[in-house]
């Protein structure tokens, strides 16, 4: 007994699907227009194409194989295409992210592209309300939350820059970093100013700290012949005075100075 397979023309090419593509087109264009106005790397056309393409992929996944389906023989999983859209957007997102020195740019653009693909996929899946709400949520983040980015610096503690001199050849740098992190700070930047030879210099006494400025200098008498000086920029909510005392008390550290924000070392 033979089993016949019914071959049918693909369905899913009606006005309902056209409307879903239109929803993806309009919503992704709205997001792209906002990025175009801000003159970002990816603008109106890029976002519109991403959203519309994602919607088309979902529609193809849902309806594009109905002519080869057979009950009990051939089945498809439409969710697999949606998952591949998410991973495939990683290539486009990676192309708009670049790093220059210690500054990363393009992260918001990549995230917006990723979200636009989700909007298009939702529209293609017939979830127009979710696509619309997600688009509205994007504009809330882009505009309503933008003022918070200008207020955030006022809520942050100013960075502290330390200039530390310690004995050469004792591996004290790791100890210095451990003390800083243990005091509630993290190292935002690090630079070494080189080694110093004090074989012909006199012992230095600790200068007095000025109360009028946020500058503290602590030195120890009897510097050795060779020392290393490093500059650390720290961020965090730890206590600067406690950290300074811990650094001064650390064996092998011969001088410590710190300042806040744009103050100068005395």
Foldseek 3Di string as FASTA:
>chain_A
DDDDFAFDDWDLPDVLLVVLLVLLQVLQQVLQCVCVVVVAPGHNVNSNCLLSVLLVQLSCLVTVCPRPDGVPPDDGDSVVSVVVSLVVLVVVQVVQWDDDDPDIPSNVVSVSSSLSSVLSNCSSVVNSVVSVVSSVVVVCVVPVCVVVVVVVVVVFFFKKKKKWKFAPPPPCPVVLQVLQVVQFKHFPDKDWPFKAACPPPAWDAWDCDDPVFQKHKHFATDDHGMMTIMMTIIGGDGDPVVSVVVQVPDPGIGMMMMHTDPDDHD
